[in-house]
PDB file of N, CA and C in Angstrom:
ATOM      1  N   MET A   1      13.386 -11.879 -10.505  1.00  0.00           N
ATOM      2  CA  MET A   1      13.120 -12.638  -9.305  1.00  0.00           C
ATOM      3  C   MET A   1      12.007 -13.503  -9.358  1.00  0.00           C
ATOM      4  N   LYS A   2      12.134 -14.830  -9.039  1.00  0.00           N
ATOM      5  CA  LYS A   2      11.276 -16.041  -9.240  1.00  0.00           C
ATOM      6  C   LYS A   2      11.008 -16.462  -7.829  1.00  0.00           C
ATOM      7  N   VAL A   3       9.690 -16.154  -7.507  1.00  0.00           N
ATOM      8  CA  VAL A   3       9.242 -16.446  -6.114  1.00  0.00           C
ATOM      9  C   VAL A   3       7.853 -17.272  -6.290  1.00  0.00           C
ATOM     10  N   SER A   4       7.384 -17.888  -5.266  1.00  0.00           N
ATOM     11  CA  SER A   4       6.286 -18.546  -5.386  1.00  0.00           C
ATOM     12  C   SER A   4       4.890 -17.675  -5.194  1.00  0.00           C
ATOM     13  N   SER A   5       3.819 -17.974  -5.621  1.00  0.00           N
ATOM     14  CA  SER A   5       2.756 -17.213  -5.623  1.00  0.00           C
ATOM     15  C   SER A   5       2.311 -16.566  -4.313  1.00  0.00           C
ATOM     16  N   GLU A   6       2.713 -17.461  -3.244  1.00  0.00           N
ATOM     17  CA  GLU A   6       2.637 -17.089  -1.963  1.00  0.00           C
ATOM     18  C   GLU A   6       3.448 -15.820  -1.486  1.00  0.00           C
ATOM     19  N   SER A   7       4.813 -15.955  -1.908  1.00  0.00           N
ATOM     20  CA  SER A   7       5.629 -15.093  -1.634  1.00  0.00           C
ATOM     21  C   SER A   7       5.427 -13.490  -2.456  1.00  0.00           C
ATOM     22  N   ARG A   8       5.005 -13.887  -3.739  1.00  0.00           N
ATOM     23  CA  ARG A   8       4.731 -12.751  -4.560  1.00  0.00           C
ATOM     24  C   ARG A   8       3.386 -11.880  -3.811  1.00  0.00           C
ATOM     25  N   GLU A   9       2.497 -12.696  -3.453  1.00  0.00           N
ATOM     26  CA  GLU A   9       1.126 -12.184  -2.879  1.00  0.00           C
ATOM     27  C   GLU A   9       1.696 -11.284  -1.680  1.00  0.00           C
ATOM     28  N   PHE A  10       2.515 -11.717  -0.825  1.00  0.00           N
ATOM     29  CA  PHE A  10       3.233 -11.168   0.370  1.00  0.00           C
ATOM     30  C   PHE A  10       3.923  -9.793   0.065  1.00  0.00           C
ATOM     31  N   LEU A  11       4.567 -10.029  -0.900  1.00  0.00           N
ATOM     32  CA  LEU A  11       5.501  -8.723  -1.350  1.00  0.00           C
ATOM     33  C   LEU A  11       4.755  -7.807  -1.696  1.00  0.00           C
ATOM     34  N   GLU A  12       3.736  -7.995  -2.642  1.00  0.00           N
ATOM     35  CA  GLU A  12       2.520  -6.945  -3.122  1.00  0.00           C
ATOM     36  C   GLU A  12       1.766  -6.316  -1.895  1.00  0.00           C
ATOM     37  N   ASN A  13       1.420  -7.325  -1.163  1.00  0.00           N
ATOM     38  CA  ASN A  13       0.674  -6.795   0.340  1.00  0.00           C
ATOM     39  C   ASN A  13       1.607  -5.882   1.140  1.00  0.00           C
ATOM     40  N   LEU A  14       2.710  -6.185   1.186  1.00  0.00           N
ATOM     41  CA  LEU A  14       3.800  -5.217   1.931  1.00  0.00           C
ATOM     42  C   LEU A  14       3.919  -4.121   1.305  1.00  0.00           C
ATOM     43  N   ARG A  15       4.046  -3.902  -0.123  1.00  0.00           N
ATOM     44  CA  ARG A  15       4.186  -2.856  -0.902  1.00  0.00           C
ATOM     45  C   ARG A  15       2.887  -1.879  -0.542  1.00  0.00           C
ATOM     46  N   VAL A  16       1.767  -2.513  -0.626  1.00  0.00           N
ATOM     47  CA  VAL A  16       0.545  -1.632  -0.594  1.00  0.00           C
ATOM     48  C   VAL A  16       0.504  -1.177   0.925  1.00  0.00           C
ATOM     49  N   TYR A  17       0.747  -1.899   1.823  1.00  0.00           N
ATOM     50  CA  TYR A  17       0.507  -1.752   3.146  1.00  0.00           C
ATOM     51  C   TYR A  17       1.382  -0.595   3.625  1.00  0.00           C
ATOM     52  N   LEU A  18       2.825  -0.578   3.122  1.00  0.00           N
ATOM     53  CA  LEU A  18       3.728   0.591   3.383  1.00  0.00           C
ATOM     54  C   LEU A  18       3.248   1.807   2.813  1.00  0.00           C
ATOM     55  N   LEU A  19       2.847   1.453   1.524  1.00  0.00           N
ATOM     56  CA  LEU A  19       2.491   2.874   0.837  1.00  0.00           C
ATOM     57  C   LEU A  19       1.261   3.570   1.502  1.00  0.00           C
ATOM     58  N   ALA A  20       0.174   2.747   2.071  1.00  0.00           N
ATOM     59  CA  ALA A  20      -0.922   3.337   2.631  1.00  0.00           C
ATOM     60  C   ALA A  20      -0.491   3.839   4.045  1.00  0.00           C
ATOM     61  N   SER A  21       0.515   3.346   4.554  1.00  0.00           N
ATOM     62  CA  SER A  21       1.091   3.945   5.900  1.00  0.00           C
ATOM     63  C   SER A  21       1.736   5.295   5.804  1.00  0.00           C
ATOM     64  N   GLY A  22       1.937   5.661   4.502  1.00  0.00           N
ATOM     65  CA  GLY A  22       2.636   6.938   4.247  1.00  0.00           C
ATOM     66  C   GLY A  22       4.220   6.701   4.400  1.00  0.00           C
ATOM     67  N   LYS A  23       4.780   5.696   3.875  1.00  0.00           N
ATOM     68  CA  LYS A  23       6.122   5.553   3.656  1.00  0.00           C
ATOM     69  C   LYS A  23       6.719   5.953   2.422  1.00  0.00           C
ATOM     70  N   ASN A  24       7.906   6.207   2.273  1.00  0.00           N
ATOM     71  CA  ASN A  24       8.595   6.664   1.234  1.00  0.00           C
ATOM     72  C   ASN A  24       8.672   5.541  -0.021  1.00  0.00           C
ATOM     73  N   GLU A  25       8.148   5.947  -1.363  1.00  0.00           N
ATOM     74  CA  GLU A  25       8.185   4.766  -2.328  1.00  0.00           C
ATOM     75  C   GLU A  25       9.530   4.287  -2.718  1.00  0.00           C
ATOM     76  N   GLY A  26      10.708   5.057  -2.651  1.00  0.00           N
ATOM     77  CA  GLY A  26      11.973   4.552  -2.900  1.00  0.00           C
ATOM     78  C   GLY A  26      12.354   3.489  -1.880  1.00  0.00           C
ATOM     79  N   GLU A  27      12.167   3.959  -0.597  1.00  0.00           N
ATOM     80  CA  GLU A  27      12.549   2.944   0.482  1.00  0.00           C
ATOM     81  C   GLU A  27      11.679   1.732   0.362  1.00  0.00           C
ATOM     82  N   ILE A  28      10.515   1.850   0.148  1.00  0.00           N
ATOM     83  CA  ILE A  28       9.594   0.673  -0.019  1.00  0.00           C
ATOM     84  C   ILE A  28      10.147  -0.191  -1.159  1.00  0.00           C
ATOM     85  N   GLU A  29      10.350   0.195  -2.239  1.00  0.00           N
ATOM     86  CA  GLU A  29      10.979  -0.537  -3.313  1.00  0.00           C
ATOM     87  C   GLU A  29      12.248  -1.215  -2.977  1.00  0.00           C
ATOM     88  N   GLU A  30      13.224  -0.625  -2.252  1.00  0.00           N
ATOM     89  CA  GLU A  30      14.391  -1.231  -1.818  1.00  0.00           C
ATOM     90  C   GLU A  30      14.028  -2.505  -1.012  1.00  0.00           C
ATOM     91  N   ILE A  31      13.286  -2.026  -0.056  1.00  0.00           N
ATOM     92  CA  ILE A  31      12.939  -3.099   1.010  1.00  0.00           C
ATOM     93  C   ILE A  31      12.205  -4.447   0.332  1.00  0.00           C
ATOM     94  N   VAL A  32      11.300  -4.118  -0.629  1.00  0.00           N
ATOM     95  CA  VAL A  32      10.608  -5.405  -1.288  1.00  0.00           C
ATOM     96  C   VAL A  32      11.470  -6.008  -2.000  1.00  0.00           C
ATOM     97  N   SER A  33      12.382  -5.254  -2.790  1.00  0.00           N
ATOM     98  CA  SER A  33      13.214  -5.946  -3.603  1.00  0.00           C
ATOM     99  C   SER A  33      14.451  -6.859  -2.767  1.00  0.00           C
ATOM    100  N   GLU A  34      14.793  -6.294  -1.658  1.00  0.00           N
ATOM    101  CA  GLU A  34      15.774  -7.317  -0.872  1.00  0.00           C
ATOM    102  C   GLU A  34      15.145  -8.330  -0.251  1.00  0.00           C
ATOM    103  N   LEU A  35      14.050  -8.026   0.290  1.00  0.00           N
ATOM    104  CA  LEU A  35      13.185  -9.119   0.827  1.00  0.00           C
ATOM    105  C   LEU A  35      12.898 -10.214  -0.421  1.00  0.00           C
ATOM    106  N   GLY A  36      12.561  -9.722  -1.473  1.00  0.00           N
ATOM    107  CA  GLY A  36      12.229 -10.659  -2.479  1.00  0.00           C
ATOM    108  C   GLY A  36      13.469 -11.741  -2.830  1.00  0.00           C
ATOM    109  N   ASP A  37      14.510 -10.946  -2.876  1.00  0.00           N
ATOM    110  CA  ASP A  37      15.945 -11.791  -2.935  1.00  0.00           C
ATOM    111  C   ASP A  37      15.820 -12.831  -2.033  1.00  0.00           C
ATOM    112  N   HIS A  38      15.789 -12.336  -0.724  1.00  0.00           N
ATOM    113  CA  HIS A  38      15.907 -13.303   0.414  1.00  0.00           C
ATOM    114  C   HIS A  38      14.932 -14.530   0.279  1.00  0.00           C
ATOM    115  N   LEU A  39      13.587 -14.047  -0.063  1.00  0.00           N
ATOM    116  CA  LEU A  39      12.754 -15.072  -0.320  1.00  0.00           C
ATOM    117  C   LEU A  39      12.864 -16.292  -1.448  1.00  0.00           C
ATOM    118  N   GLU A  40      13.514 -15.627  -2.640  1.00  0.00           N
ATOM    119  CA  GLU A  40      14.008 -16.560  -3.651  1.00  0.00           C
ATOM    120  C   GLU A  40      14.917 -17.384  -3.264  1.00  0.00           C
ATOM    121  N   ASN A  41      15.889 -16.867  -2.455  1.00  0.00           N
ATOM    122  CA  ASN A  41      16.963 -17.810  -1.960  1.00  0.00           C
ATOM    123  C   ASN A  41      16.448 -18.777  -1.001  1.00  0.00           C
ATOM    124  N   ALA A  42      15.598 -18.461  -0.124  1.00  0.00           N
ATOM    125  CA  ALA A  42      15.010 -19.405   0.956  1.00  0.00           C
ATOM    126  C   ALA A  42      14.201 -20.327   0.190  1.00  0.00           C
ATOM    127  N   GLU A  43      13.343 -19.995  -0.841  1.00  0.00           N
ATOM    128  CA  GLU A  43      12.495 -21.102  -1.468  1.00  0.00           C
ATOM    129  C   GLU A  43      13.471 -21.926  -2.174  1.00  0.00           C
ATOM    130  N   LYS A  44      14.545 -21.671  -2.601  1.00  0.00           N
ATOM    131  CA  LYS A  44      15.484 -22.686  -3.100  1.00  0.00           C
ATOM    132  C   LYS A  44      15.945 -23.821  -2.000  1.00  0.00           C
ATOM    133  N   ASP A  45      16.080 -23.374  -0.908  1.00  0.00           N
ATOM    134  CA  ASP A  45      16.317 -24.176   0.294  1.00  0.00           C
ATOM    135  C   ASP A  45      15.146 -24.789   0.869  1.00  0.00           C
ATOM    136  N   GLY A  46      13.977 -24.494   0.218  1.00  0.00           N
ATOM    137  CA  GLY A  46      12.686 -25.256   0.665  1.00  0.00           C
ATOM    138  C   GLY A  46      11.836 -24.679   1.898  1.00  0.00           C
ATOM    139  N   LYS A  47      12.152 -23.431   2.038  1.00  0.00           N
ATOM    140  CA  LYS A  47      11.639 -22.546   3.135  1.00  0.00           C
ATOM    141  C   LYS A  47      10.573 -21.913   2.556  1.00  0.00           C
ATOM    142  N   ASP A  48       9.543 -21.132   3.332  1.00  0.00           N
ATOM    143  CA  ASP A  48       8.470 -20.431   2.880  1.00  0.00           C
ATOM    144  C   ASP A  48       8.704 -18.919   3.547  1.00  0.00           C
ATOM    145  N   VAL A  49       7.641 -18.209   3.303  1.00  0.00           N
ATOM    146  CA  VAL A  49       7.590 -16.781   3.900  1.00  0.00           C
ATOM    147  C   VAL A  49       7.698 -16.776   5.246  1.00  0.00           C
ATOM    148  N   THR A  50       6.951 -17.430   6.024  1.00  0.00           N
ATOM    149  CA  THR A  50       7.149 -17.414   7.659  1.00  0.00           C
ATOM    150  C   THR A  50       8.398 -17.825   8.058  1.00  0.00           C
ATOM    151  N   ASP A  51       9.105 -18.648   7.350  1.00  0.00           N
ATOM    152  CA  ASP A  51      10.518 -18.969   7.787  1.00  0.00           C
ATOM    153  C   ASP A  51      11.410 -17.748   7.554  1.00  0.00           C
ATOM    154  N   ILE A  52      11.212 -16.967   6.786  1.00  0.00           N
ATOM    155  CA  ILE A  52      12.173 -15.860   6.511  1.00  0.00           C
ATOM    156  C   ILE A  52      11.777 -14.735   7.470  1.00  0.00           C
ATOM    157  N   ILE A  53      10.419 -14.306   7.648  1.00  0.00           N
ATOM    158  CA  ILE A  53      10.055 -13.183   8.298  1.00  0.00           C
ATOM    159  C   ILE A  53      10.020 -13.417   9.954  1.00  0.00           C
ATOM    160  N   GLY A  54       9.829 -14.883  10.266  1.00  0.00           N
ATOM    161  CA  GLY A  54       9.728 -15.183  11.611  1.00  0.00           C
ATOM    162  C   GLY A  54       8.616 -14.978  12.334  1.00  0.00           C
ATOM    163  N   LYS A  55       7.719 -14.462  11.860  1.00  0.00           N
ATOM    164  CA  LYS A  55       6.250 -14.174  12.541  1.00  0.00           C
ATOM    165  C   LYS A  55       5.158 -13.978  11.383  1.00  0.00           C
ATOM    166  N   THR A  56       4.050 -13.713  11.971  1.00  0.00           N
ATOM    167  CA  THR A  56       3.019 -13.614  10.883  1.00  0.00           C
ATOM    168  C   THR A  56       3.199 -12.392   9.904  1.00  0.00           C
ATOM    169  N   PRO A  57       2.559 -12.424   8.773  1.00  0.00           N
ATOM    170  CA  PRO A  57       2.800 -11.419   7.797  1.00  0.00           C
ATOM    171  C   PRO A  57       2.338 -10.042   8.408  1.00  0.00           C
ATOM    172  N   LYS A  58       0.942  -9.991   9.150  1.00  0.00           N
ATOM    173  CA  LYS A  58       0.413  -8.990   9.768  1.00  0.00           C
ATOM    174  C   LYS A  58       1.569  -8.356  10.683  1.00  0.00           C
ATOM    175  N   GLU A  59       2.295  -9.174  11.662  1.00  0.00           N
ATOM    176  CA  GLU A  59       3.098  -8.610  12.571  1.00  0.00           C
ATOM    177  C   GLU A  59       4.370  -8.029  11.995  1.00  0.00           C
ATOM    178  N   TYR A  60       4.813  -8.702  11.017  1.00  0.00           N
ATOM    179  CA  TYR A  60       6.109  -8.202  10.265  1.00  0.00           C
ATOM    180  C   TYR A  60       5.769  -6.680   9.428  1.00  0.00           C
ATOM    181  N   MET A  61       4.552  -6.812   8.804  1.00  0.00           N
ATOM    182  CA  MET A  61       4.204  -5.558   8.215  1.00  0.00           C
ATOM    183  C   MET A  61       4.104  -4.315   9.081  1.00  0.00           C
ATOM    184  N   SER A  62       3.625  -4.411  10.487  1.00  0.00           N
ATOM    185  CA  SER A  62       3.260  -3.576  11.362  1.00  0.00           C
ATOM    186  C   SER A  62       4.531  -3.099  11.941  1.00  0.00           C
ATOM    187  N   GLN A  63       5.630  -4.041  12.253  1.00  0.00           N
ATOM    188  CA  GLN A  63       7.011  -3.764  12.739  1.00  0.00           C
ATOM    189  C   GLN A  63       7.695  -2.897  11.859  1.00  0.00           C
ATOM    190  N   LEU A  64       7.605  -3.450  10.591  1.00  0.00           N
ATOM    191  CA  LEU A  64       8.354  -2.719   9.432  1.00  0.00           C
ATOM    192  C   LEU A  64       7.979  -1.391   9.275  1.00  0.00           C
ATOM    193  N   ALA A  65       6.608  -0.941   9.254  1.00  0.00           N
ATOM    194  CA  ALA A  65       6.026   0.198   9.141  1.00  0.00           C
ATOM    195  C   ALA A  65       6.520   1.081  10.503  1.00  0.00           C
ATOM    196  N   GLY A  66       6.551   0.572  11.470  1.00  0.00           N
ATOM    197  CA  GLY A  66       6.927   1.125  12.682  1.00  0.00           C
ATOM    198  C   GLY A  66       8.486   1.753  12.642  1.00  0.00           C
ATOM    199  N   GLU A  67       9.223   0.950  12.100  1.00  0.00           N
ATOM    200  CA  GLU A  67      10.773   1.335  12.030  1.00  0.00           C
ATOM    201  C   GLU A  67      10.952   2.301  10.858  1.00  0.00           C
ATOM    202  N   MET A  68      10.077   2.438   9.957  1.00  0.00           N
ATOM    203  CA  MET A  68      10.296   3.408   8.817  1.00  0.00           C
ATOM    204  C   MET A  68       9.651   4.807   9.180  1.00  0.00           C
ATOM    205  N   PRO A  69      10.407   5.807   8.649  1.00  0.00           N
ATOM    206  CA  PRO A  69       9.858   7.147   8.965  1.00  0.00           C
ATOM    207  C   PRO A  69       8.715   7.532   8.188  1.00  0.00           C
ATOM    208  N   PHE A  70       7.864   8.414   8.447  1.00  0.00           N
ATOM    209  CA  PHE A  70       6.570   8.773   7.913  1.00  0.00           C
ATOM    210  C   PHE A  70       7.149   9.681   6.790  1.00  0.00           C
ATOM    211  N   ASP A  71       6.536   9.780   5.684  1.00  0.00           N
ATOM    212  CA  ASP A  71       6.991  10.461   4.551  1.00  0.00           C
ATOM    213  C   ASP A  71       5.913  11.579   4.308  1.00  0.00           C
ATOM    214  N   LEU A  72       5.846  12.598   4.864  1.00  0.00           N
ATOM    215  CA  LEU A  72       4.775  13.699   4.842  1.00  0.00           C
ATOM    216  C   LEU A  72       4.836  14.231   3.483  1.00  0.00           C
ATOM    217  N   LYS A  73       6.127  14.648   2.794  1.00  0.00           N
ATOM    218  CA  LYS A  73       6.080  15.043   1.506  1.00  0.00           C
ATOM    219  C   LYS A  73       5.330  14.101   0.584  1.00  0.00           C
ATOM    220  N   GLY A  74       5.656  12.900   0.567  1.00  0.00           N
ATOM    221  CA  GLY A  74       4.838  11.871  -0.388  1.00  0.00           C
ATOM    222  C   GLY A  74       3.325  11.856  -0.083  1.00  0.00           C
ATOM    223  N   VAL A  75       2.956  12.011   0.959  1.00  0.00           N
ATOM    224  CA  VAL A  75       1.389  11.878   1.230  1.00  0.00           C
ATOM    225  C   VAL A  75       0.686  13.457   0.902  1.00  0.00           C
ATOM    226  N   LEU A  76       1.527  14.520   1.221  1.00  0.00           N
ATOM    227  CA  LEU A  76       0.871  15.596   0.664  1.00  0.00           C
ATOM    228  C   LEU A  76       0.678  15.925  -0.795  1.00  0.00           C
ATOM    229  N   LYS A  77       1.404  14.984  -1.564  1.00  0.00           N
ATOM    230  CA  LYS A  77       1.241  15.099  -2.974  1.00  0.00           C
ATOM    231  C   LYS A  77      -0.048  14.636  -3.445  1.00  0.00           C
ATOM    232  N   PHE A  78      -0.583  13.615  -2.604  1.00  0.00           N
ATOM    233  CA  PHE A  78      -1.918  13.127  -2.929  1.00  0.00           C
ATOM    234  C   PHE A  78      -3.117  13.903  -2.295  1.00  0.00           C
ATOM    235  N   LEU A  79      -2.839  14.874  -1.710  1.00  0.00           N
ATOM    236  CA  LEU A  79      -3.869  15.828  -1.146  1.00  0.00           C
ATOM    237  C   LEU A  79      -4.656  16.449  -2.151  1.00  0.00           C
ATOM    238  N   PRO A  80      -4.053  17.210  -3.193  1.00  0.00           N
ATOM    239  CA  PRO A  80      -4.852  17.908  -4.187  1.00  0.00           C
ATOM    240  C   PRO A  80      -5.804  16.806  -5.002  1.00  0.00           C
ATOM    241  N   ILE A  81      -5.131  15.603  -5.186  1.00  0.00           N
ATOM    242  CA  ILE A  81      -6.069  14.654  -5.860  1.00  0.00           C
ATOM    243  C   ILE A  81      -7.294  14.150  -4.994  1.00  0.00           C
ATOM    244  N   LEU A  82      -7.027  14.044  -3.759  1.00  0.00           N
ATOM    245  CA  LEU A  82      -8.147  13.656  -2.813  1.00  0.00           C
ATOM    246  C   LEU A  82      -9.043  14.850  -2.809  1.00  0.00           C
ATOM    247  N   MET A  83      -8.948  16.056  -2.687  1.00  0.00           N
ATOM    248  CA  MET A  83      -9.685  17.084  -2.580  1.00  0.00           C
ATOM    249  C   MET A  83     -10.308  17.383  -3.943  1.00  0.00           C
ATOM    250  N   LEU A  84      -9.748  17.123  -4.955  1.00  0.00           N
ATOM    251  CA  LEU A  84     -10.480  17.133  -6.372  1.00  0.00           C
ATOM    252  C   LEU A  84     -11.624  16.072  -6.633  1.00  0.00           C
ATOM    253  N   GLY A  85     -11.064  14.823  -5.905  1.00  0.00           N
ATOM    254  CA  GLY A  85     -12.130  13.784  -5.903  1.00  0.00           C
ATOM    255  C   GLY A  85     -13.342  14.119  -5.146  1.00  0.00           C
ATOM    256  N   ALA A  86     -13.248  14.655  -4.010  1.00  0.00           N
ATOM    257  CA  ALA A  86     -14.424  15.008  -2.939  1.00  0.00           C
ATOM    258  C   ALA A  86     -15.051  15.985  -3.722  1.00  0.00           C
ATOM    259  N   PHE A  87     -14.435  17.111  -4.198  1.00  0.00           N
ATOM    260  CA  PHE A  87     -15.349  18.009  -4.950  1.00  0.00           C
ATOM    261  C   PHE A  87     -16.199  17.534  -6.043  1.00  0.00           C
ATOM    262  N   SER A  88     -15.611  16.600  -6.786  1.00  0.00           N
ATOM    263  CA  SER A  88     -16.208  15.919  -8.067  1.00  0.00           C
ATOM    264  C   SER A  88     -17.254  15.009  -7.591  1.00  0.00           C
ATOM    265  N   TYR A  89     -17.158  14.534  -6.612  1.00  0.00           N
ATOM    266  CA  TYR A  89     -18.453  13.639  -5.914  1.00  0.00           C
ATOM    267  C   TYR A  89     -19.361  14.429  -5.545  1.00  0.00           C
ATOM    268  N   ILE A  90     -19.303  15.626  -4.861  1.00  0.00           N
ATOM    269  CA  ILE A  90     -20.258  16.473  -4.624  1.00  0.00           C
ATOM    270  C   ILE A  90     -21.084  16.969  -5.687  1.00  0.00           C
ATOM    271  N   LEU A  91     -20.336  17.420  -6.660  1.00  0.00           N
ATOM    272  CA  LEU A  91     -20.934  18.001  -7.902  1.00  0.00           C
ATOM    273  C   LEU A  91     -21.575  16.952  -8.792  1.00  0.00           C
ATOM    274  N   MET A  92     -21.046  15.727  -8.815  1.00  0.00           N
ATOM    275  CA  MET A  92     -21.637  14.594  -9.588  1.00  0.00           C
ATOM    276  C   MET A  92     -23.062  14.378  -8.944  1.00  0.00           C
ATOM    277  N   GLY A  93     -22.955  14.420  -7.540  1.00  0.00           N
ATOM    278  CA  GLY A  93     -24.319  14.010  -6.924  1.00  0.00           C
ATOM    279  C   GLY A  93     -25.326  14.986  -7.228  1.00  0.00           C
ATOM    280  N   ASP A  94     -24.849  16.273  -7.124  1.00  0.00           N
ATOM    281  CA  ASP A  94     -25.998  17.336  -7.766  1.00  0.00           C
ATOM    282  C   ASP A  94     -26.529  17.059  -9.038  1.00  0.00           C
ATOM    283  N   ALA A  95     -25.541  16.732  -9.908  1.00  0.00           N
ATOM    284  CA  ALA A  95     -25.768  16.565 -11.310  1.00  0.00           C
ATOM    285  C   ALA A  95     -26.818  15.305 -11.559  1.00  0.00           C
ATOM    286  N   ILE A  96     -26.559  14.235 -10.774  1.00  0.00           N
ATOM    287  CA  ILE A  96     -27.160  13.011 -10.903  1.00  0.00           C
ATOM    288  C   ILE A  96     -28.652  13.197 -10.519  1.00  0.00           C
ATOM    289  N   ARG A  97     -28.752  14.011  -9.359  1.00  0.00           N
ATOM    290  CA  ARG A  97     -30.165  14.154  -8.826  1.00  0.00           C
ATOM    291  C   ARG A  97     -31.069  15.063  -9.674  1.00  0.00           C
ATOM    292  N   GLY A  98     -30.186  16.073 -10.413  1.00  0.00           N
ATOM    293  CA  GLY A  98     -30.806  16.920 -11.350  1.00  0.00           C
ATOM    294  C   GLY A  98     -31.321  18.295 -10.584  1.00  0.00           C
ATOM    295  N   PRO A  99     -31.764  19.145 -11.218  1.00  0.00           N
ATOM    296  CA  PRO A  99     -32.208  20.541 -10.846  1.00  0.00           C
ATOM    297  C   PRO A  99     -33.368  20.474  -9.699  1.00  0.00           C
ATOM    298  N   ALA A 100     -34.161  19.508  -9.762  1.00  0.00           N
ATOM    299  CA  ALA A 100     -35.374  19.367  -8.820  1.00  0.00           C
ATOM    300  C   ALA A 100     -34.824  19.151  -7.412  1.00  0.00           C
ATOM    301  N   ALA A 101     -33.463  18.579  -7.359  1.00  0.00           N
ATOM    302  CA  ALA A 101     -33.059  18.342  -5.877  1.00  0.00           C
ATOM    303  C   ALA A 101     -32.466  19.448  -5.329  1.00  0.00           C
ATOM    304  N   ILE A 102     -32.260  20.623  -6.184  1.00  0.00           N
ATOM    305  CA  ILE A 102     -31.580  21.745  -5.767  1.00  0.00           C
ATOM    306  C   ILE A 102     -32.576  22.862  -5.018  1.00  0.00           C
ATOM    307  N   LEU A 103     -33.697  22.872  -5.808  1.00  0.00           N
ATOM    308  CA  LEU A 103     -34.972  23.805  -5.400  1.00  0.00           C
ATOM    309  C   LEU A 103     -35.821  23.154  -4.243  1.00  0.00           C
ATOM    310  N   PRO A 104     -36.018  23.965  -3.441  1.00  0.00           N
ATOM    311  CA  PRO A 104     -36.983  23.500  -2.130  1.00  0.00           C
ATOM    312  C   PRO A 104     -38.254  23.145  -2.677  1.00  0.00           C
ATOM    313  N   ASP A 105     -38.973  22.441  -1.946  1.00  0.00           N
ATOM    314  CA  ASP A 105     -40.368  21.977  -2.238  1.00  0.00           C
ATOM    315  C   ASP A 105     -41.191  22.978  -1.887  1.00  0.00           C
TER     316      ASP A 105
END
């Protein structure tokens, strides 16, 4: 897929937005691939991203995210990583401050 830098940036932003919205990764890749093909064909005809999506990128992303179901199973797999990160952050704060921060004055 050979698209302009503007289209490439839009597709990458769309991918990140949908992932952050809790959508299924497989569905996201299908949509981004299909949209990339449409953008490639449109650019050959001299059109740009807004000609294809018909609105601002923000509006298009919001509409698309609203139409896709929430992937709870996909989001839950990141929960242990998030908890481990939070726990590590708390422990590292104590380790950086040292033992004097733990003892009362």
